[in-house]
N, C-alpha and C. Protein backbone atom coordinates (compact mmCIF):
# COMPACT_ATOMS: atom_id res chain seq x y z
N UNK A 1 14.58 -15.85 118.43
CA UNK A 1 14.48 -15.03 119.63
C UNK A 1 14.94 -15.89 120.80
N UNK A 2 15.84 -15.33 121.59
CA UNK A 2 16.32 -16.02 122.78
C UNK A 2 16.12 -15.11 123.98
N UNK A 3 15.46 -15.64 125.00
CA UNK A 3 15.27 -14.93 126.27
C UNK A 3 15.76 -15.87 127.37
N UNK A 4 16.68 -15.36 128.19
CA UNK A 4 17.17 -16.16 129.32
C UNK A 4 17.19 -15.29 130.57
N UNK A 5 16.69 -15.85 131.66
CA UNK A 5 16.78 -15.23 132.98
C UNK A 5 17.62 -16.20 133.80
N UNK A 6 18.73 -15.72 134.36
CA UNK A 6 19.68 -16.63 134.98
C UNK A 6 20.47 -15.94 136.08
N UNK A 7 21.02 -16.74 136.99
CA UNK A 7 21.91 -16.19 138.02
C UNK A 7 23.33 -16.06 137.51
N UNK A 8 23.74 -16.97 136.65
CA UNK A 8 25.13 -17.01 136.18
C UNK A 8 25.46 -15.80 135.30
N UNK A 9 26.71 -15.38 135.37
CA UNK A 9 27.21 -14.33 134.50
C UNK A 9 27.25 -14.85 133.06
N UNK A 10 27.47 -13.96 132.11
CA UNK A 10 27.56 -14.33 130.71
C UNK A 10 28.76 -13.63 130.09
N UNK A 11 29.24 -14.17 128.99
CA UNK A 11 30.37 -13.62 128.26
C UNK A 11 29.81 -12.78 127.11
N UNK A 12 29.91 -11.46 127.25
CA UNK A 12 29.33 -10.55 126.26
C UNK A 12 29.81 -10.87 124.85
N UNK A 13 31.12 -10.97 124.67
CA UNK A 13 31.67 -11.22 123.34
C UNK A 13 31.20 -12.54 122.75
N UNK A 14 31.19 -13.59 123.56
CA UNK A 14 30.75 -14.90 123.09
C UNK A 14 29.27 -14.88 122.74
N UNK A 15 28.47 -14.19 123.54
CA UNK A 15 27.03 -14.11 123.26
C UNK A 15 26.76 -13.39 121.94
N UNK A 16 27.43 -12.28 121.71
CA UNK A 16 27.23 -11.53 120.46
C UNK A 16 27.74 -12.33 119.27
N UNK A 17 28.89 -12.98 119.41
CA UNK A 17 29.43 -13.79 118.31
C UNK A 17 28.46 -14.92 117.95
N UNK A 18 27.93 -15.60 118.94
CA UNK A 18 26.98 -16.69 118.67
C UNK A 18 25.68 -16.15 118.08
N UNK A 19 25.26 -15.00 118.53
CA UNK A 19 24.01 -14.38 118.08
C UNK A 19 24.05 -14.08 116.58
N UNK A 20 25.18 -13.62 116.09
CA UNK A 20 25.27 -13.20 114.69
C UNK A 20 25.88 -14.25 113.78
N UNK A 21 26.37 -15.33 114.33
CA UNK A 21 27.11 -16.33 113.57
C UNK A 21 26.28 -16.94 112.44
N UNK A 22 26.92 -17.00 111.28
CA UNK A 22 26.36 -17.74 110.15
C UNK A 22 25.19 -17.12 109.44
N UNK A 23 24.85 -15.87 109.71
CA UNK A 23 23.73 -15.25 109.02
C UNK A 23 24.26 -14.10 108.16
N UNK A 24 24.48 -14.36 106.86
CA UNK A 24 25.05 -13.32 105.99
C UNK A 24 24.09 -12.18 105.67
N UNK A 25 22.81 -12.30 106.03
CA UNK A 25 21.86 -11.20 105.81
C UNK A 25 22.06 -10.07 106.81
N UNK A 26 22.64 -10.38 107.96
CA UNK A 26 22.80 -9.37 109.02
C UNK A 26 23.77 -8.29 108.57
N UNK A 27 23.29 -7.06 108.62
CA UNK A 27 24.12 -5.90 108.33
C UNK A 27 24.37 -5.06 109.56
N UNK A 28 23.64 -5.35 110.63
CA UNK A 28 23.78 -4.56 111.86
C UNK A 28 23.38 -5.38 113.08
N UNK A 29 24.13 -5.19 114.14
CA UNK A 29 23.78 -5.71 115.46
C UNK A 29 23.91 -4.55 116.43
N UNK A 30 22.82 -4.21 117.08
CA UNK A 30 22.84 -3.17 118.12
C UNK A 30 22.68 -3.89 119.45
N UNK A 31 23.42 -3.40 120.46
CA UNK A 31 23.33 -4.06 121.76
C UNK A 31 23.38 -3.05 122.89
N UNK A 32 22.88 -3.51 124.04
CA UNK A 32 22.94 -2.73 125.27
C UNK A 32 23.40 -3.68 126.36
N UNK A 33 24.37 -3.22 127.16
CA UNK A 33 24.86 -3.99 128.29
C UNK A 33 24.64 -3.14 129.54
N UNK A 34 23.85 -3.64 130.47
CA UNK A 34 23.59 -2.94 131.73
C UNK A 34 24.45 -3.50 132.84
N UNK A 35 24.98 -2.62 133.67
CA UNK A 35 25.90 -2.97 134.75
C UNK A 35 25.40 -2.45 136.09
N UNK A 36 25.82 -3.07 137.17
CA UNK A 36 25.49 -2.59 138.52
C UNK A 36 26.39 -1.41 138.83
N UNK A 37 25.77 -0.30 139.22
CA UNK A 37 26.52 0.89 139.65
C UNK A 37 26.79 0.81 141.15
N UNK A 38 27.81 1.53 141.59
CA UNK A 38 28.14 1.54 143.02
C UNK A 38 27.44 2.66 143.78
N UNK A 39 26.60 3.42 143.07
CA UNK A 39 25.84 4.49 143.72
C UNK A 39 24.51 4.64 143.01
N UNK A 40 23.47 4.92 143.79
CA UNK A 40 22.14 5.15 143.23
C UNK A 40 21.44 6.16 144.13
N UNK A 41 20.94 7.22 143.54
CA UNK A 41 20.27 8.28 144.30
C UNK A 41 21.15 8.76 145.45
N UNK A 42 22.41 9.00 145.16
CA UNK A 42 23.39 9.54 146.12
C UNK A 42 23.69 8.61 147.30
N UNK A 43 23.36 7.33 147.18
CA UNK A 43 23.68 6.37 148.24
C UNK A 43 24.61 5.31 147.66
N UNK A 44 25.62 4.95 148.44
CA UNK A 44 26.52 3.89 148.02
C UNK A 44 25.76 2.56 147.98
N UNK A 45 26.04 1.77 146.97
CA UNK A 45 25.41 0.46 146.82
C UNK A 45 26.50 -0.60 146.96
N UNK A 46 26.35 -1.44 147.99
CA UNK A 46 27.31 -2.52 148.22
C UNK A 46 26.93 -3.77 147.45
N UNK A 47 25.63 -3.98 147.32
CA UNK A 47 25.12 -5.16 146.62
C UNK A 47 23.69 -4.86 146.17
N UNK A 48 23.31 -5.49 145.07
CA UNK A 48 21.95 -5.37 144.58
C UNK A 48 21.42 -6.79 144.38
N UNK A 49 20.19 -7.01 144.79
CA UNK A 49 19.56 -8.31 144.59
C UNK A 49 18.35 -8.12 143.68
N UNK A 50 18.30 -8.89 142.60
CA UNK A 50 17.16 -8.86 141.69
C UNK A 50 16.33 -10.11 141.88
N UNK A 51 15.03 -9.90 142.07
CA UNK A 51 14.10 -11.01 142.21
C UNK A 51 13.11 -10.98 141.05
N UNK A 52 12.48 -12.14 140.79
CA UNK A 52 11.52 -12.22 139.69
C UNK A 52 10.59 -13.41 139.93
N UNK A 53 9.56 -13.51 139.09
CA UNK A 53 8.66 -14.66 139.10
C UNK A 53 9.04 -15.55 137.92
N UNK A 54 9.67 -16.71 138.17
CA UNK A 54 10.04 -17.60 137.07
C UNK A 54 8.82 -17.95 136.21
N UNK A 55 9.04 -18.01 134.93
CA UNK A 55 7.96 -18.28 133.98
C UNK A 55 7.25 -17.02 133.57
N UNK A 56 6.76 -16.26 134.51
CA UNK A 56 6.08 -15.00 134.23
C UNK A 56 7.06 -13.98 133.65
N UNK A 57 8.26 -13.93 134.19
CA UNK A 57 9.25 -12.97 133.72
C UNK A 57 9.67 -13.28 132.29
N UNK A 58 9.97 -14.54 132.01
CA UNK A 58 10.37 -14.92 130.65
C UNK A 58 9.27 -14.61 129.64
N UNK A 59 8.03 -14.89 130.02
CA UNK A 59 6.89 -14.60 129.14
C UNK A 59 6.79 -13.11 128.86
N UNK A 60 6.98 -12.29 129.88
CA UNK A 60 6.92 -10.83 129.68
C UNK A 60 8.02 -10.37 128.73
N UNK A 61 9.22 -10.92 128.89
CA UNK A 61 10.33 -10.55 128.01
C UNK A 61 10.06 -11.01 126.58
N UNK A 62 9.54 -12.21 126.42
CA UNK A 62 9.19 -12.72 125.09
C UNK A 62 8.14 -11.83 124.42
N UNK A 63 7.17 -11.37 125.19
CA UNK A 63 6.13 -10.49 124.65
C UNK A 63 6.72 -9.15 124.20
N UNK A 64 7.67 -8.62 124.95
CA UNK A 64 8.32 -7.35 124.58
C UNK A 64 9.08 -7.53 123.27
N UNK A 65 9.82 -8.61 123.14
CA UNK A 65 10.57 -8.87 121.90
C UNK A 65 9.61 -9.08 120.73
N UNK A 66 8.55 -9.81 120.96
CA UNK A 66 7.55 -10.03 119.90
C UNK A 66 6.96 -8.71 119.42
N UNK A 67 6.71 -7.80 120.35
CA UNK A 67 6.18 -6.49 119.95
C UNK A 67 7.21 -5.72 119.13
N UNK A 68 8.46 -5.79 119.52
CA UNK A 68 9.53 -5.12 118.75
C UNK A 68 9.57 -5.66 117.33
N UNK A 69 9.38 -6.97 117.18
CA UNK A 69 9.41 -7.58 115.84
C UNK A 69 8.25 -7.10 114.97
N UNK A 70 7.13 -6.70 115.58
CA UNK A 70 6.02 -6.17 114.78
C UNK A 70 6.24 -4.72 114.38
N UNK A 71 7.10 -4.01 115.10
CA UNK A 71 7.33 -2.59 114.84
C UNK A 71 8.50 -2.32 113.90
N UNK A 72 9.51 -3.19 113.94
CA UNK A 72 10.72 -2.97 113.14
C UNK A 72 11.06 -4.23 112.37
N UNK A 73 11.74 -4.04 111.25
CA UNK A 73 12.18 -5.15 110.41
C UNK A 73 13.49 -5.69 110.96
N UNK A 74 13.38 -6.55 111.96
CA UNK A 74 14.57 -7.13 112.59
C UNK A 74 14.58 -8.64 112.35
N UNK A 75 15.77 -9.20 112.37
CA UNK A 75 15.91 -10.64 112.17
C UNK A 75 15.75 -11.41 113.47
N UNK A 76 16.40 -10.92 114.51
CA UNK A 76 16.43 -11.68 115.74
C UNK A 76 16.69 -10.75 116.92
N UNK A 77 16.44 -11.26 118.12
CA UNK A 77 16.72 -10.51 119.34
C UNK A 77 17.19 -11.49 120.41
N UNK A 78 18.03 -10.98 121.28
CA UNK A 78 18.57 -11.74 122.40
C UNK A 78 18.40 -10.90 123.65
N UNK A 79 17.84 -11.49 124.70
CA UNK A 79 17.73 -10.83 126.00
C UNK A 79 18.24 -11.81 127.06
N UNK A 80 19.25 -11.38 127.79
CA UNK A 80 19.75 -12.14 128.93
C UNK A 80 19.64 -11.22 130.13
N UNK A 81 18.95 -11.66 131.17
CA UNK A 81 18.79 -10.84 132.37
C UNK A 81 19.17 -11.68 133.58
N UNK A 82 20.04 -11.15 134.39
CA UNK A 82 20.47 -11.87 135.58
C UNK A 82 19.57 -11.57 136.77
N UNK A 83 19.51 -12.50 137.69
CA UNK A 83 18.79 -12.35 138.94
C UNK A 83 19.69 -12.83 140.07
N UNK A 84 19.27 -12.55 141.31
CA UNK A 84 20.06 -12.94 142.46
C UNK A 84 20.95 -11.80 142.92
N UNK A 85 21.89 -12.10 143.81
CA UNK A 85 22.76 -11.04 144.33
C UNK A 85 23.83 -10.65 143.31
N UNK A 86 24.03 -9.33 143.15
CA UNK A 86 25.00 -8.79 142.21
C UNK A 86 25.80 -7.68 142.89
N UNK A 87 27.05 -7.55 142.50
CA UNK A 87 27.94 -6.54 143.06
C UNK A 87 28.20 -5.44 142.04
N UNK A 88 28.64 -4.26 142.50
CA UNK A 88 29.00 -3.21 141.55
C UNK A 88 29.98 -3.73 140.49
N UNK A 89 29.77 -3.31 139.27
CA UNK A 89 30.51 -3.70 138.07
C UNK A 89 30.00 -5.01 137.46
N UNK A 90 29.15 -5.77 138.15
CA UNK A 90 28.60 -6.99 137.56
C UNK A 90 27.67 -6.64 136.41
N UNK A 91 27.61 -7.53 135.43
CA UNK A 91 26.68 -7.39 134.32
C UNK A 91 25.29 -7.79 134.80
N UNK A 92 24.29 -7.00 134.40
CA UNK A 92 22.90 -7.31 134.75
C UNK A 92 22.13 -7.82 133.54
N UNK A 93 22.21 -7.08 132.45
CA UNK A 93 21.34 -7.36 131.30
C UNK A 93 22.09 -7.13 129.99
N UNK A 94 21.77 -8.00 129.03
CA UNK A 94 22.23 -7.83 127.65
C UNK A 94 21.02 -7.89 126.75
N UNK A 95 20.89 -6.88 125.91
CA UNK A 95 19.88 -6.88 124.85
C UNK A 95 20.63 -6.69 123.55
N UNK A 96 20.38 -7.57 122.58
CA UNK A 96 20.99 -7.46 121.26
C UNK A 96 19.90 -7.67 120.21
N UNK A 97 20.02 -6.93 119.11
CA UNK A 97 19.06 -7.01 118.02
C UNK A 97 19.83 -7.03 116.70
N UNK A 98 19.42 -7.92 115.79
CA UNK A 98 20.04 -7.98 114.47
C UNK A 98 19.03 -7.59 113.40
N UNK A 99 19.56 -6.93 112.36
CA UNK A 99 18.72 -6.52 111.24
C UNK A 99 19.62 -6.26 110.04
N UNK A 100 19.02 -5.89 108.94
CA UNK A 100 19.80 -5.55 107.75
C UNK A 100 20.46 -4.18 107.90
N UNK A 101 19.81 -3.29 108.64
CA UNK A 101 20.29 -1.91 108.73
C UNK A 101 20.31 -1.43 110.18
N UNK A 102 21.21 -0.50 110.47
CA UNK A 102 21.43 -0.05 111.85
C UNK A 102 20.22 0.65 112.46
N UNK A 103 19.49 1.42 111.69
CA UNK A 103 18.37 2.18 112.24
C UNK A 103 17.33 1.27 112.88
N UNK A 104 16.99 0.20 112.20
CA UNK A 104 16.02 -0.76 112.73
C UNK A 104 16.57 -1.42 113.99
N UNK A 105 17.86 -1.81 113.95
CA UNK A 105 18.46 -2.50 115.09
C UNK A 105 18.53 -1.57 116.31
N UNK A 106 18.98 -0.32 116.11
CA UNK A 106 19.08 0.63 117.23
C UNK A 106 17.70 0.88 117.85
N UNK A 107 16.71 1.16 117.01
CA UNK A 107 15.37 1.48 117.53
C UNK A 107 14.78 0.30 118.30
N UNK A 108 14.87 -0.89 117.74
CA UNK A 108 14.30 -2.06 118.40
C UNK A 108 15.03 -2.37 119.71
N UNK A 109 16.35 -2.21 119.72
CA UNK A 109 17.13 -2.45 120.94
C UNK A 109 16.72 -1.48 122.04
N UNK A 110 16.58 -0.22 121.68
CA UNK A 110 16.19 0.80 122.67
C UNK A 110 14.77 0.55 123.18
N UNK A 111 13.87 0.19 122.27
CA UNK A 111 12.50 -0.13 122.65
C UNK A 111 12.47 -1.30 123.64
N UNK A 112 13.17 -2.37 123.32
CA UNK A 112 13.18 -3.55 124.20
C UNK A 112 13.70 -3.17 125.57
N UNK A 113 14.77 -2.41 125.63
CA UNK A 113 15.33 -2.02 126.93
C UNK A 113 14.38 -1.12 127.70
N UNK A 114 13.78 -0.15 127.03
CA UNK A 114 12.83 0.75 127.70
C UNK A 114 11.63 -0.03 128.26
N UNK A 115 11.10 -0.95 127.49
CA UNK A 115 9.96 -1.73 127.95
C UNK A 115 10.37 -2.73 129.02
N UNK A 116 11.56 -3.28 128.90
CA UNK A 116 12.06 -4.20 129.93
C UNK A 116 12.09 -3.49 131.29
N UNK A 117 12.56 -2.24 131.31
CA UNK A 117 12.67 -1.49 132.56
C UNK A 117 11.31 -1.19 133.19
N UNK A 118 10.25 -1.15 132.39
CA UNK A 118 8.95 -0.74 132.91
C UNK A 118 7.90 -1.85 132.94
N UNK A 119 8.07 -2.90 132.15
CA UNK A 119 7.03 -3.92 132.03
C UNK A 119 7.43 -5.30 132.50
N UNK A 120 8.70 -5.54 132.66
CA UNK A 120 9.13 -6.88 133.08
C UNK A 120 9.05 -6.99 134.60
N UNK A 121 8.56 -8.12 135.10
CA UNK A 121 8.39 -8.27 136.55
C UNK A 121 9.70 -8.63 137.28
N UNK A 122 10.50 -7.61 137.50
CA UNK A 122 11.71 -7.73 138.31
C UNK A 122 11.58 -6.80 139.51
N UNK A 123 12.14 -7.20 140.64
CA UNK A 123 12.16 -6.35 141.83
C UNK A 123 13.60 -6.23 142.29
N UNK A 124 14.00 -4.99 142.58
CA UNK A 124 15.39 -4.69 142.89
C UNK A 124 15.51 -4.19 144.33
N UNK A 125 16.42 -4.82 145.06
CA UNK A 125 16.73 -4.40 146.43
C UNK A 125 18.21 -4.07 146.49
N UNK A 126 18.52 -2.91 147.08
CA UNK A 126 19.91 -2.48 147.22
C UNK A 126 20.33 -2.53 148.67
N UNK A 127 21.57 -2.97 148.89
CA UNK A 127 22.18 -2.95 150.21
C UNK A 127 23.06 -1.71 150.27
N UNK A 128 22.71 -0.75 151.14
CA UNK A 128 23.45 0.50 151.28
C UNK A 128 23.96 0.61 152.71
N UNK A 129 24.85 1.56 152.99
CA UNK A 129 25.32 1.74 154.36
C UNK A 129 24.18 2.02 155.36
N UNK A 130 23.06 2.56 154.87
CA UNK A 130 21.91 2.84 155.74
C UNK A 130 20.98 1.63 155.87
N UNK A 131 21.30 0.53 155.18
CA UNK A 131 20.47 -0.67 155.24
C UNK A 131 19.91 -1.03 153.88
N UNK A 132 19.12 -2.08 153.85
CA UNK A 132 18.53 -2.55 152.60
C UNK A 132 17.31 -1.70 152.25
N UNK A 133 17.11 -1.51 150.95
CA UNK A 133 15.94 -0.75 150.48
C UNK A 133 15.50 -1.30 149.13
N UNK A 134 14.18 -1.35 148.96
CA UNK A 134 13.61 -1.72 147.67
C UNK A 134 13.62 -0.49 146.78
N UNK A 135 13.91 -0.68 145.52
CA UNK A 135 14.04 0.43 144.57
C UNK A 135 12.80 0.47 143.69
N UNK A 136 12.14 1.62 143.69
CA UNK A 136 10.97 1.82 142.84
C UNK A 136 11.41 2.14 141.42
N UNK A 137 10.49 1.95 140.49
CA UNK A 137 10.75 2.34 139.11
C UNK A 137 11.00 3.84 139.04
N UNK A 138 11.87 4.23 138.15
CA UNK A 138 12.18 5.65 137.98
C UNK A 138 11.17 6.30 137.05
N UNK A 139 10.85 7.54 137.34
CA UNK A 139 9.95 8.30 136.47
C UNK A 139 10.55 8.44 135.08
N UNK A 140 11.87 8.57 134.99
CA UNK A 140 12.53 8.70 133.69
C UNK A 140 12.38 7.44 132.85
N UNK A 141 12.33 6.26 133.51
CA UNK A 141 12.10 5.01 132.77
C UNK A 141 10.69 4.99 132.19
N UNK A 142 9.71 5.43 132.98
CA UNK A 142 8.34 5.50 132.49
C UNK A 142 8.22 6.48 131.32
N UNK A 143 8.90 7.61 131.43
CA UNK A 143 8.86 8.60 130.35
C UNK A 143 9.50 8.04 129.08
N UNK A 144 10.60 7.31 129.22
CA UNK A 144 11.25 6.72 128.06
C UNK A 144 10.33 5.72 127.37
N UNK A 145 9.63 4.92 128.14
CA UNK A 145 8.71 3.92 127.56
C UNK A 145 7.50 4.57 126.92
N UNK A 146 7.06 5.71 127.45
CA UNK A 146 5.87 6.38 126.91
C UNK A 146 6.08 6.86 125.49
N UNK A 147 7.29 7.16 125.12
CA UNK A 147 7.51 7.66 123.75
C UNK A 147 7.25 6.59 122.69
N UNK A 148 7.19 5.33 123.12
CA UNK A 148 6.93 4.24 122.18
C UNK A 148 5.45 3.91 122.06
N UNK A 149 4.60 4.59 122.85
CA UNK A 149 3.17 4.32 122.82
C UNK A 149 2.63 4.63 121.42
N UNK A 150 1.84 3.71 120.91
CA UNK A 150 1.21 3.94 119.60
C UNK A 150 0.12 4.98 119.77
N UNK A 151 0.07 5.85 118.84
CA UNK A 151 -0.94 6.92 118.89
C UNK A 151 -2.02 6.66 117.87
């Protein structure tokens, strides 16, 4: 399991290649790449700044991945999340999951991303033509995470 929170950009292809390299058991890698959009809630976004609590954020991400490993038969997971100032089209987050079969990889990848959006301590500020604004969590993100609640 690899969790990194960083300001620097990452090479998607190189990260996936390194993630799966040398493991002949892997039959599937599912991934999600999140990007900065140039509009949010009908407002133009010139820049987005992501803030976090170092140490606390990594621990939260590690806990999310650990929970995914208890729910699905996966081999490994990779989470890279950027912080600091970002521009439209910049990469924000990469989540990748490896397993023997695609169903396990897809489900675990989606779970990690849904929980990351609702449980990881990140704060997002957008610079718009009307000024800077902090962005609250979306109700749709909470609803997506609720479907994973154990009953």
